[in-house]
Every structure is written in C-alpha cells, then in structure tokens.
PDB file of N, CA and C in Angstrom:
ATOM      1  N   UNK A   1      -9.418 -11.283  38.076  1.00  0.00           N
ATOM      2  CA  UNK A   1      -8.048 -11.251  38.341  1.00  0.00           C
ATOM      3  C   UNK A   1      -8.278 -10.443  39.986  1.00  0.00           C
ATOM      4  N   UNK A   2      -7.603 -10.714  40.819  1.00  0.00           N
ATOM      5  CA  UNK A   2      -7.329 -10.199  42.037  1.00  0.00           C
ATOM      6  C   UNK A   2      -7.001  -8.762  42.178  1.00  0.00           C
ATOM      7  N   UNK A   3      -7.485  -8.118  43.123  1.00  0.00           N
ATOM      8  CA  UNK A   3      -7.051  -6.593  43.412  1.00  0.00           C
ATOM      9  C   UNK A   3      -5.719  -6.533  43.726  1.00  0.00           C
ATOM     10  N   UNK A   4      -4.826  -5.716  43.516  1.00  0.00           N
ATOM     11  CA  UNK A   4      -3.525  -5.407  43.883  1.00  0.00           C
ATOM     12  C   UNK A   4      -3.243  -5.572  45.442  1.00  0.00           C
ATOM     13  N   UNK A   5      -4.082  -4.722  46.398  1.00  0.00           N
ATOM     14  CA  UNK A   5      -4.059  -4.976  47.689  1.00  0.00           C
ATOM     15  C   UNK A   5      -4.149  -6.503  48.320  1.00  0.00           C
ATOM     16  N   UNK A   6      -4.814  -7.175  47.440  1.00  0.00           N
ATOM     17  CA  UNK A   6      -4.992  -8.606  47.800  1.00  0.00           C
ATOM     18  C   UNK A   6      -3.685  -9.401  47.385  1.00  0.00           C
ATOM     19  N   UNK A   7      -3.354  -9.377  46.319  1.00  0.00           N
ATOM     20  CA  UNK A   7      -2.051  -9.902  45.698  1.00  0.00           C
ATOM     21  C   UNK A   7      -0.661  -9.389  46.275  1.00  0.00           C
ATOM     22  N   UNK A   8      -0.782  -8.281  46.759  1.00  0.00           N
ATOM     23  CA  UNK A   8       0.502  -7.456  47.129  1.00  0.00           C
ATOM     24  C   UNK A   8       1.280  -6.920  46.066  1.00  0.00           C
ATOM     25  N   UNK A   9       0.772  -7.120  44.739  1.00  0.00           N
ATOM     26  CA  UNK A   9       1.280  -6.276  43.763  1.00  0.00           C
ATOM     27  C   UNK A   9       1.202  -4.852  43.596  1.00  0.00           C
ATOM     28  N   UNK A  10       2.206  -4.151  43.291  1.00  0.00           N
ATOM     29  CA  UNK A  10       1.883  -2.826  43.417  1.00  0.00           C
ATOM     30  C   UNK A  10       1.365  -2.167  41.757  1.00  0.00           C
ATOM     31  N   UNK A  11       0.549  -1.490  41.853  1.00  0.00           N
ATOM     32  CA  UNK A  11      -0.077  -0.856  40.584  1.00  0.00           C
ATOM     33  C   UNK A  11       0.858   0.384  40.185  1.00  0.00           C
ATOM     34  N   UNK A  12       1.194   0.613  39.217  1.00  0.00           N
ATOM     35  CA  UNK A  12       2.098   1.447  38.564  1.00  0.00           C
ATOM     36  C   UNK A  12       1.558   2.796  38.256  1.00  0.00           C
ATOM     37  N   UNK A  13       1.544   3.822  39.086  1.00  0.00           N
ATOM     38  CA  UNK A  13       1.157   4.797  39.017  1.00  0.00           C
ATOM     39  C   UNK A  13       2.132   6.016  38.946  1.00  0.00           C
ATOM     40  N   UNK A  14       3.326   5.648  38.866  1.00  0.00           N
ATOM     41  CA  UNK A  14       4.382   6.631  38.821  1.00  0.00           C
ATOM     42  C   UNK A  14       4.651   7.319  37.128  1.00  0.00           C
ATOM     43  N   UNK A  15       4.486   8.507  37.362  1.00  0.00           N
ATOM     44  CA  UNK A  15       4.680   9.264  36.004  1.00  0.00           C
ATOM     45  C   UNK A  15       6.075   9.402  35.501  1.00  0.00           C
ATOM     46  N   UNK A  16       6.798   9.029  36.251  1.00  0.00           N
ATOM     47  CA  UNK A  16       8.381   9.247  35.995  1.00  0.00           C
ATOM     48  C   UNK A  16       8.933   8.150  34.899  1.00  0.00           C
ATOM     49  N   UNK A  17       8.078   7.032  34.524  1.00  0.00           N
ATOM     50  CA  UNK A  17       8.445   5.970  33.859  1.00  0.00           C
ATOM     51  C   UNK A  17       8.500   6.343  32.690  1.00  0.00           C
ATOM     52  N   UNK A  18       9.281   5.673  31.492  1.00  0.00           N
ATOM     53  CA  UNK A  18       9.296   6.076  30.277  1.00  0.00           C
ATOM     54  C   UNK A  18       8.415   5.304  29.412  1.00  0.00           C
ATOM     55  N   UNK A  19       8.373   4.089  30.112  1.00  0.00           N
ATOM     56  CA  UNK A  19       7.703   3.224  29.150  1.00  0.00           C
ATOM     57  C   UNK A  19       7.018   1.969  29.798  1.00  0.00           C
ATOM     58  N   UNK A  20       5.947   1.375  29.444  1.00  0.00           N
ATOM     59  CA  UNK A  20       5.029   0.398  30.167  1.00  0.00           C
ATOM     60  C   UNK A  20       5.416  -1.153  29.567  1.00  0.00           C
ATOM     61  N   UNK A  21       5.495  -2.226  30.267  1.00  0.00           N
ATOM     62  CA  UNK A  21       5.384  -3.351  29.839  1.00  0.00           C
ATOM     63  C   UNK A  21       4.103  -3.754  29.487  1.00  0.00           C
ATOM     64  N   UNK A  22       3.634  -4.796  28.774  1.00  0.00           N
ATOM     65  CA  UNK A  22       2.238  -4.974  28.287  1.00  0.00           C
ATOM     66  C   UNK A  22       1.390  -5.225  29.555  1.00  0.00           C
ATOM     67  N   UNK A  23       2.027  -5.734  30.783  1.00  0.00           N
ATOM     68  CA  UNK A  23       1.226  -5.863  31.935  1.00  0.00           C
ATOM     69  C   UNK A  23       1.082  -4.598  32.741  1.00  0.00           C
ATOM     70  N   UNK A  24       1.968  -3.690  32.607  1.00  0.00           N
ATOM     71  CA  UNK A  24       1.828  -2.563  33.322  1.00  0.00           C
ATOM     72  C   UNK A  24       0.839  -1.765  32.506  1.00  0.00           C
ATOM     73  N   UNK A  25       1.039  -1.906  31.096  1.00  0.00           N
ATOM     74  CA  UNK A  25      -0.027  -0.996  30.365  1.00  0.00           C
ATOM     75  C   UNK A  25      -1.468  -1.259  30.631  1.00  0.00           C
ATOM     76  N   UNK A  26      -1.651  -2.400  30.561  1.00  0.00           N
ATOM     77  CA  UNK A  26      -3.105  -3.095  30.932  1.00  0.00           C
ATOM     78  C   UNK A  26      -3.552  -2.866  32.088  1.00  0.00           C
ATOM     79  N   UNK A  27      -2.704  -2.720  33.297  1.00  0.00           N
ATOM     80  CA  UNK A  27      -3.023  -2.255  34.525  1.00  0.00           C
ATOM     81  C   UNK A  27      -3.467  -0.804  34.877  1.00  0.00           C
ATOM     82  N   UNK A  28      -2.635  -0.093  34.121  1.00  0.00           N
ATOM     83  CA  UNK A  28      -2.659   1.135  34.188  1.00  0.00           C
ATOM     84  C   UNK A  28      -3.919   1.676  33.187  1.00  0.00           C
ATOM     85  N   UNK A  29      -4.343   0.994  32.362  1.00  0.00           N
ATOM     86  CA  UNK A  29      -5.460   1.479  31.454  1.00  0.00           C
ATOM     87  C   UNK A  29      -6.896   0.472  31.878  1.00  0.00           C
ATOM     88  N   UNK A  30      -6.555  -0.354  32.783  1.00  0.00           N
ATOM     89  CA  UNK A  30      -7.837  -1.304  33.464  1.00  0.00           C
ATOM     90  C   UNK A  30      -8.456  -1.832  32.251  1.00  0.00           C
ATOM     91  N   UNK A  31      -7.575  -2.696  31.448  1.00  0.00           N
ATOM     92  CA  UNK A  31      -8.147  -3.525  30.361  1.00  0.00           C
ATOM     93  C   UNK A  31      -7.275  -4.717  30.703  1.00  0.00           C
ATOM     94  N   UNK A  32      -7.850  -5.970  30.414  1.00  0.00           N
ATOM     95  CA  UNK A  32      -7.398  -7.261  30.499  1.00  0.00           C
ATOM     96  C   UNK A  32      -6.228  -7.382  29.458  1.00  0.00           C
ATOM     97  N   UNK A  33      -5.436  -8.309  29.903  1.00  0.00           N
ATOM     98  CA  UNK A  33      -4.430  -8.661  28.937  1.00  0.00           C
ATOM     99  C   UNK A  33      -5.119  -9.321  27.552  1.00  0.00           C
ATOM    100  N   UNK A  34      -6.054 -10.099  27.829  1.00  0.00           N
ATOM    101  CA  UNK A  34      -6.573 -10.746  26.702  1.00  0.00           C
ATOM    102  C   UNK A  34      -7.114  -9.802  25.744  1.00  0.00           C
ATOM    103  N   UNK A  35      -7.830  -8.816  26.327  1.00  0.00           N
ATOM    104  CA  UNK A  35      -8.506  -7.569  25.445  1.00  0.00           C
ATOM    105  C   UNK A  35      -7.313  -6.882  24.786  1.00  0.00           C
ATOM    106  N   UNK A  36      -6.206  -6.523  25.169  1.00  0.00           N
ATOM    107  CA  UNK A  36      -5.094  -6.046  24.740  1.00  0.00           C
ATOM    108  C   UNK A  36      -4.603  -6.858  23.675  1.00  0.00           C
ATOM    109  N   UNK A  37      -4.348  -8.093  23.570  1.00  0.00           N
ATOM    110  CA  UNK A  37      -4.139  -8.842  22.463  1.00  0.00           C
ATOM    111  C   UNK A  37      -4.902  -8.983  21.379  1.00  0.00           C
ATOM    112  N   UNK A  38      -6.272  -8.901  21.718  1.00  0.00           N
ATOM    113  CA  UNK A  38      -7.340  -8.937  20.712  1.00  0.00           C
ATOM    114  C   UNK A  38      -7.277  -7.595  19.997  1.00  0.00           C
ATOM    115  N   UNK A  39      -7.062  -6.745  20.538  1.00  0.00           N
ATOM    116  CA  UNK A  39      -6.973  -5.256  20.073  1.00  0.00           C
ATOM    117  C   UNK A  39      -5.777  -5.290  19.264  1.00  0.00           C
ATOM    118  N   UNK A  40      -4.708  -5.631  19.609  1.00  0.00           N
ATOM    119  CA  UNK A  40      -3.406  -5.612  19.017  1.00  0.00           C
ATOM    120  C   UNK A  40      -3.392  -6.490  17.759  1.00  0.00           C
ATOM    121  N   UNK A  41      -4.104  -7.570  17.908  1.00  0.00           N
ATOM    122  CA  UNK A  41      -4.180  -8.543  16.618  1.00  0.00           C
ATOM    123  C   UNK A  41      -5.027  -7.777  15.629  1.00  0.00           C
ATOM    124  N   UNK A  42      -6.000  -7.007  15.959  1.00  0.00           N
ATOM    125  CA  UNK A  42      -6.884  -6.259  14.880  1.00  0.00           C
ATOM    126  C   UNK A  42      -6.396  -5.002  14.548  1.00  0.00           C
ATOM    127  N   UNK A  43      -5.070  -4.727  15.002  1.00  0.00           N
ATOM    128  CA  UNK A  43      -4.471  -3.540  14.639  1.00  0.00           C
ATOM    129  C   UNK A  43      -4.911  -2.246  15.231  1.00  0.00           C
ATOM    130  N   UNK A  44      -5.629  -2.410  16.468  1.00  0.00           N
ATOM    131  CA  UNK A  44      -6.243  -1.384  17.204  1.00  0.00           C
ATOM    132  C   UNK A  44      -5.486  -1.061  18.217  1.00  0.00           C
ATOM    133  N   UNK A  45      -4.419  -1.756  18.763  1.00  0.00           N
ATOM    134  CA  UNK A  45      -3.529  -1.532  19.941  1.00  0.00           C
ATOM    135  C   UNK A  45      -2.579  -0.190  19.765  1.00  0.00           C
ATOM    136  N   UNK A  46      -2.031  -0.047  20.711  1.00  0.00           N
ATOM    137  CA  UNK A  46      -0.797   0.872  20.895  1.00  0.00           C
ATOM    138  C   UNK A  46       0.475   0.730  20.078  1.00  0.00           C
ATOM    139  N   UNK A  47       1.203   1.557  19.747  1.00  0.00           N
ATOM    140  CA  UNK A  47       2.550   1.267  19.235  1.00  0.00           C
ATOM    141  C   UNK A  47       3.246   0.537  20.109  1.00  0.00           C
ATOM    142  N   UNK A  48       4.148  -0.514  19.671  1.00  0.00           N
ATOM    143  CA  UNK A  48       5.097  -1.195  20.496  1.00  0.00           C
ATOM    144  C   UNK A  48       6.396  -1.004  20.103  1.00  0.00           C
ATOM    145  N   UNK A  49       7.525  -1.081  20.989  1.00  0.00           N
ATOM    146  CA  UNK A  49       8.818  -1.019  20.726  1.00  0.00           C
ATOM    147  C   UNK A  49       9.337  -2.345  21.104  1.00  0.00           C
ATOM    148  N   UNK A  50      10.316  -2.771  20.368  1.00  0.00           N
ATOM    149  CA  UNK A  50      10.957  -4.180  20.824  1.00  0.00           C
ATOM    150  C   UNK A  50      12.347  -3.607  21.454  1.00  0.00           C
ATOM    151  N   UNK A  51      12.575  -4.206  22.720  1.00  0.00           N
ATOM    152  CA  UNK A  51      13.813  -3.906  23.442  1.00  0.00           C
ATOM    153  C   UNK A  51      14.248  -5.249  23.800  1.00  0.00           C
ATOM    154  N   UNK A  52      15.157  -5.953  22.955  1.00  0.00           N
ATOM    155  CA  UNK A  52      15.679  -7.064  23.209  1.00  0.00           C
ATOM    156  C   UNK A  52      14.472  -8.066  22.972  1.00  0.00           C
ATOM    157  N   UNK A  53      14.288  -8.971  23.890  1.00  0.00           N
ATOM    158  CA  UNK A  53      13.237  -9.832  23.570  1.00  0.00           C
ATOM    159  C   UNK A  53      11.920  -9.266  24.171  1.00  0.00           C
ATOM    160  N   UNK A  54      11.685  -8.162  24.765  1.00  0.00           N
ATOM    161  CA  UNK A  54      10.549  -7.572  25.462  1.00  0.00           C
ATOM    162  C   UNK A  54      10.046  -6.763  24.648  1.00  0.00           C
ATOM    163  N   UNK A  55       8.531  -6.312  24.621  1.00  0.00           N
ATOM    164  CA  UNK A  55       7.839  -5.319  23.963  1.00  0.00           C
ATOM    165  C   UNK A  55       7.440  -4.375  25.053  1.00  0.00           C
ATOM    166  N   UNK A  56       7.674  -2.973  24.729  1.00  0.00           N
ATOM    167  CA  UNK A  56       7.444  -2.036  25.630  1.00  0.00           C
ATOM    168  C   UNK A  56       6.519  -1.038  24.639  1.00  0.00           C
ATOM    169  N   UNK A  57       5.845  -0.263  25.553  1.00  0.00           N
ATOM    170  CA  UNK A  57       4.993   0.737  24.998  1.00  0.00           C
ATOM    171  C   UNK A  57       5.388   2.242  25.635  1.00  0.00           C
ATOM    172  N   UNK A  58       5.680   2.945  24.978  1.00  0.00           N
ATOM    173  CA  UNK A  58       6.133   4.253  25.558  1.00  0.00           C
ATOM    174  C   UNK A  58       4.871   5.019  26.131  1.00  0.00           C
ATOM    175  N   UNK A  59       5.224   6.057  26.700  1.00  0.00           N
ATOM    176  CA  UNK A  59       4.107   7.025  27.411  1.00  0.00           C
ATOM    177  C   UNK A  59       3.301   7.609  26.261  1.00  0.00           C
ATOM    178  N   UNK A  60       4.406   8.084  25.074  1.00  0.00           N
ATOM    179  CA  UNK A  60       3.598   8.920  24.093  1.00  0.00           C
ATOM    180  C   UNK A  60       2.922   8.095  23.105  1.00  0.00           C
ATOM    181  N   UNK A  61       3.230   6.571  23.185  1.00  0.00           N
ATOM    182  CA  UNK A  61       2.574   5.626  22.258  1.00  0.00           C
ATOM    183  C   UNK A  61       1.070   5.417  23.167  1.00  0.00           C
ATOM    184  N   UNK A  62       1.384   5.497  24.544  1.00  0.00           N
ATOM    185  CA  UNK A  62       0.048   5.032  25.292  1.00  0.00           C
ATOM    186  C   UNK A  62      -0.797   6.413  25.239  1.00  0.00           C
ATOM    187  N   UNK A  63      -0.547   7.475  25.236  1.00  0.00           N
ATOM    188  CA  UNK A  63      -1.167   8.731  25.057  1.00  0.00           C
ATOM    189  C   UNK A  63      -1.922   9.052  23.862  1.00  0.00           C
ATOM    190  N   UNK A  64      -1.084   8.381  22.542  1.00  0.00           N
ATOM    191  CA  UNK A  64      -1.711   8.448  21.135  1.00  0.00           C
ATOM    192  C   UNK A  64      -2.885   7.379  21.258  1.00  0.00           C
ATOM    193  N   UNK A  65      -2.678   6.416  21.796  1.00  0.00           N
ATOM    194  CA  UNK A  65      -3.837   5.367  21.772  1.00  0.00           C
ATOM    195  C   UNK A  65      -4.989   5.843  22.433  1.00  0.00           C
ATOM    196  N   UNK A  66      -4.792   6.469  23.743  1.00  0.00           N
ATOM    197  CA  UNK A  66      -5.949   6.819  24.500  1.00  0.00           C
ATOM    198  C   UNK A  66      -6.707   7.921  23.659  1.00  0.00           C
ATOM    199  N   UNK A  67      -5.904   9.092  22.992  1.00  0.00           N
ATOM    200  CA  UNK A  67      -6.433  10.012  22.185  1.00  0.00           C
ATOM    201  C   UNK A  67      -7.227   9.354  21.204  1.00  0.00           C
ATOM    202  N   UNK A  68      -6.822   8.211  20.481  1.00  0.00           N
ATOM    203  CA  UNK A  68      -7.628   7.630  19.309  1.00  0.00           C
ATOM    204  C   UNK A  68      -8.829   6.858  19.924  1.00  0.00           C
ATOM    205  N   UNK A  69      -8.730   6.218  21.033  1.00  0.00           N
ATOM    206  CA  UNK A  69      -9.741   5.542  21.555  1.00  0.00           C
ATOM    207  C   UNK A  69     -10.895   6.566  21.969  1.00  0.00           C
ATOM    208  N   UNK A  70     -10.401   7.674  22.625  1.00  0.00           N
ATOM    209  CA  UNK A  70     -11.490   8.708  23.202  1.00  0.00           C
ATOM    210  C   UNK A  70     -12.218   9.415  22.165  1.00  0.00           C
ATOM    211  N   UNK A  71     -11.224   9.744  21.011  1.00  0.00           N
ATOM    212  CA  UNK A  71     -11.957  10.234  19.778  1.00  0.00           C
ATOM    213  C   UNK A  71     -12.651   9.782  18.956  1.00  0.00           C
ATOM    214  N   UNK A  72     -12.554   8.445  19.047  1.00  0.00           N
ATOM    215  CA  UNK A  72     -13.327   7.384  17.888  1.00  0.00           C
ATOM    216  C   UNK A  72     -14.502   7.049  18.947  1.00  0.00           C
ATOM    217  N   UNK A  73     -15.770   7.446  18.691  1.00  0.00           N
ATOM    218  CA  UNK A  73     -16.930   6.921  19.138  1.00  0.00           C
ATOM    219  C   UNK A  73     -17.243   5.580  19.059  1.00  0.00           C
ATOM    220  N   UNK A  74     -16.965   5.359  17.832  1.00  0.00           N
ATOM    221  CA  UNK A  74     -17.506   3.945  17.351  1.00  0.00           C
ATOM    222  C   UNK A  74     -16.482   2.934  17.573  1.00  0.00           C
ATOM    223  N   UNK A  75     -15.333   3.339  18.322  1.00  0.00           N
ATOM    224  CA  UNK A  75     -14.240   2.431  18.660  1.00  0.00           C
ATOM    225  C   UNK A  75     -14.609   0.869  19.247  1.00  0.00           C
ATOM    226  N   UNK A  76     -15.263   0.967  20.257  1.00  0.00           N
ATOM    227  CA  UNK A  76     -15.760  -0.425  20.874  1.00  0.00           C
ATOM    228  C   UNK A  76     -16.741  -0.978  20.166  1.00  0.00           C
ATOM    229  N   UNK A  77     -17.667  -0.279  19.551  1.00  0.00           N
ATOM    230  CA  UNK A  77     -18.592  -0.941  18.594  1.00  0.00           C
ATOM    231  C   UNK A  77     -17.895  -1.625  17.538  1.00  0.00           C
ATOM    232  N   UNK A  78     -16.878  -1.120  17.035  1.00  0.00           N
ATOM    233  CA  UNK A  78     -16.506  -1.701  15.706  1.00  0.00           C
ATOM    234  C   UNK A  78     -15.624  -2.829  16.018  1.00  0.00           C
ATOM    235  N   UNK A  79     -14.591  -2.507  17.259  1.00  0.00           N
ATOM    236  CA  UNK A  79     -13.901  -3.637  17.963  1.00  0.00           C
ATOM    237  C   UNK A  79     -14.672  -4.913  18.245  1.00  0.00           C
ATOM    238  N   UNK A  80     -15.971  -4.847  18.756  1.00  0.00           N
ATOM    239  CA  UNK A  80     -16.848  -5.953  18.977  1.00  0.00           C
ATOM    240  C   UNK A  80     -17.182  -6.546  17.586  1.00  0.00           C
ATOM    241  N   UNK A  81     -17.613  -5.913  16.624  1.00  0.00           N
ATOM    242  CA  UNK A  81     -18.065  -6.362  15.465  1.00  0.00           C
ATOM    243  C   UNK A  81     -16.921  -7.107  14.898  1.00  0.00           C
ATOM    244  N   UNK A  82     -15.718  -6.569  14.840  1.00  0.00           N
ATOM    245  CA  UNK A  82     -14.520  -7.375  14.212  1.00  0.00           C
ATOM    246  C   UNK A  82     -14.065  -8.605  15.036  1.00  0.00           C
ATOM    247  N   UNK A  83     -14.433  -8.485  16.172  1.00  0.00           N
ATOM    248  CA  UNK A  83     -14.157  -9.845  17.006  1.00  0.00           C
ATOM    249  C   UNK A  83     -15.330 -10.917  16.786  1.00  0.00           C
ATOM    250  N   UNK A  84     -16.490 -10.585  16.534  1.00  0.00           N
ATOM    251  CA  UNK A  84     -17.381 -11.271  15.960  1.00  0.00           C
ATOM    252  C   UNK A  84     -17.131 -11.838  14.727  1.00  0.00           C
ATOM    253  N   UNK A  85     -16.728 -10.988  13.752  1.00  0.00           N
ATOM    254  CA  UNK A  85     -16.452 -11.400  12.584  1.00  0.00           C
ATOM    255  C   UNK A  85     -15.111 -12.393  12.296  1.00  0.00           C
ATOM    256  N   UNK A  86     -14.271 -12.198  13.264  1.00  0.00           N
ATOM    257  CA  UNK A  86     -13.164 -13.438  13.366  1.00  0.00           C
ATOM    258  C   UNK A  86     -13.678 -14.630  13.905  1.00  0.00           C
ATOM    259  N   UNK A  87     -14.719 -14.699  14.623  1.00  0.00           N
ATOM    260  CA  UNK A  87     -15.263 -15.950  15.472  1.00  0.00           C
ATOM    261  C   UNK A  87     -15.786 -16.409  14.380  1.00  0.00           C
ATOM    262  N   UNK A  88     -16.705 -15.745  13.444  1.00  0.00           N
ATOM    263  CA  UNK A  88     -17.684 -16.256  12.469  1.00  0.00           C
ATOM    264  C   UNK A  88     -16.702 -16.992  11.461  1.00  0.00           C
ATOM    265  N   UNK A  89     -15.458 -16.451  10.938  1.00  0.00           N
ATOM    266  CA  UNK A  89     -14.484 -16.944  10.093  1.00  0.00           C
ATOM    267  C   UNK A  89     -13.999 -18.354  10.696  1.00  0.00           C
ATOM    268  N   UNK A  90     -13.729 -18.370  11.857  1.00  0.00           N
ATOM    269  CA  UNK A  90     -13.446 -19.528  12.655  1.00  0.00           C
ATOM    270  C   UNK A  90     -14.534 -20.741  12.359  1.00  0.00           C
ATOM    271  N   UNK A  91     -15.634 -20.244  12.355  1.00  0.00           N
ATOM    272  CA  UNK A  91     -16.894 -21.134  12.205  1.00  0.00           C
ATOM    273  C   UNK A  91     -17.055 -21.596  10.583  1.00  0.00           C
ATOM    274  N   UNK A  92     -16.597 -20.793   9.961  1.00  0.00           N
ATOM    275  CA  UNK A  92     -16.655 -20.903   8.317  1.00  0.00           C
ATOM    276  C   UNK A  92     -18.129 -20.829   8.076  1.00  0.00           C
ATOM    277  N   UNK A  93     -18.812 -20.234   8.442  1.00  0.00           N
ATOM    278  CA  UNK A  93     -20.246 -19.931   8.095  1.00  0.00           C
ATOM    279  C   UNK A  93     -20.458 -18.884   7.133  1.00  0.00           C
ATOM    280  N   UNK A  94     -21.461 -18.376   6.428  1.00  0.00           N
ATOM    281  CA  UNK A  94     -21.804 -17.264   5.612  1.00  0.00           C
ATOM    282  C   UNK A  94     -21.896 -16.070   6.180  1.00  0.00           C
ATOM    283  N   UNK A  95     -21.959 -15.788   7.419  1.00  0.00           N
ATOM    284  CA  UNK A  95     -22.039 -14.784   8.310  1.00  0.00           C
ATOM    285  C   UNK A  95     -20.883 -13.870   8.025  1.00  0.00           C
ATOM    286  N   UNK A  96     -19.651 -14.607   7.947  1.00  0.00           N
ATOM    287  CA  UNK A  96     -18.494 -13.669   7.912  1.00  0.00           C
ATOM    288  C   UNK A  96     -18.576 -12.383   7.144  1.00  0.00           C
ATOM    289  N   UNK A  97     -19.034 -12.568   5.755  1.00  0.00           N
ATOM    290  CA  UNK A  97     -19.082 -11.524   4.980  1.00  0.00           C
ATOM    291  C   UNK A  97     -20.014 -10.534   5.455  1.00  0.00           C
ATOM    292  N   UNK A  98     -21.146 -10.432   6.106  1.00  0.00           N
ATOM    293  CA  UNK A  98     -22.011  -9.967   6.331  1.00  0.00           C
ATOM    294  C   UNK A  98     -21.640  -9.118   7.638  1.00  0.00           C
ATOM    295  N   UNK A  99     -20.800  -9.769   8.541  1.00  0.00           N
ATOM    296  CA  UNK A  99     -20.212  -8.966   9.877  1.00  0.00           C
ATOM    297  C   UNK A  99     -19.003  -8.159   9.331  1.00  0.00           C
ATOM    298  N   UNK A 100     -18.307  -8.343   8.361  1.00  0.00           N
ATOM    299  CA  UNK A 100     -17.171  -7.587   8.079  1.00  0.00           C
ATOM    300  C   UNK A 100     -17.774  -6.202   7.236  1.00  0.00           C
ATOM    301  N   UNK A 101     -18.791  -6.427   6.387  1.00  0.00           N
ATOM    302  CA  UNK A 101     -19.384  -5.253   6.034  1.00  0.00           C
ATOM    303  C   UNK A 101     -20.070  -4.314   6.827  1.00  0.00           C
ATOM    304  N   UNK A 102     -20.817  -5.128   7.931  1.00  0.00           N
ATOM    305  CA  UNK A 102     -21.238  -4.080   8.992  1.00  0.00           C
ATOM    306  C   UNK A 102     -20.117  -3.483  10.039  1.00  0.00           C
ATOM    307  N   UNK A 103     -18.951  -4.099   9.954  1.00  0.00           N
ATOM    308  CA  UNK A 103     -17.916  -3.569  11.088  1.00  0.00           C
ATOM    309  C   UNK A 103     -17.111  -2.555  10.122  1.00  0.00           C
ATOM    310  N   UNK A 104     -17.259  -2.415   8.792  1.00  0.00           N
ATOM    311  CA  UNK A 104     -16.443  -1.369   7.982  1.00  0.00           C
ATOM    312  C   UNK A 104     -16.512  -0.061   8.380  1.00  0.00           C
ATOM    313  N   UNK A 105     -15.675   0.889   8.107  1.00  0.00           N
ATOM    314  CA  UNK A 105     -15.688   2.387   8.594  1.00  0.00           C
ATOM    315  C   UNK A 105     -17.128   2.957   8.109  1.00  0.00           C
ATOM    316  N   UNK A 106     -17.636   3.769   9.197  1.00  0.00           N
ATOM    317  CA  UNK A 106     -18.875   4.450   8.916  1.00  0.00           C
ATOM    318  C   UNK A 106     -18.834   5.475   8.049  1.00  0.00           C
TER     319      UNK A 106
END
C-alpha cells in the first residue's frame, strides 16, 4: 500500500471524529484491511455499528479493542494459530483438530 504522501490521501488523525469507517480504522491502527476482516471473521475484531449500509467503529469500541489487544499477550499468537486452523480446514486434512487444540485458550 502506498504512503499517504504519495497517493495524496489524508490520514485521519483528528480526535474530534466520533466513529471510524473500516478503512479509517485500519489506517489509524496501521493494519491492513485484509487482516481486519480476518480478525473480524474470527470474532477478534472491534464492535461495529450499522448505519444504513455502512459499518462504523466508534471511538469507544476502538479503545476497547486496543485495550483487549494490548492486555492479551497471546493475542497475536492465538490469532495466527486460528488462521492456520482455518487454512487446514479448507485443505480437509487431519491437522485441523490438532491446530484447534493448540489454539485454545491457555
């Protein structure tokens, strides 16, 4: 992804906004949109609110998500193990059960 100074897009750093779009949330938290959707599909993403056809993330939900991620030391490791488990399920091999058992809560 190109830097904002190259593309001319503004990075949202204004603290007066009340909610982020998914794109703005990802930019503000420096994660890719594909990683955001992986985390959301695993139930590890921030709370979203539906406004019409849009999905927005409130400042409070973003703060709660950051607290969860920062306070949960094994968050990244567990997320990676769950991603590997989903891939194994798609392959339909026997390693799925082993990966899920290892990805369980410590």
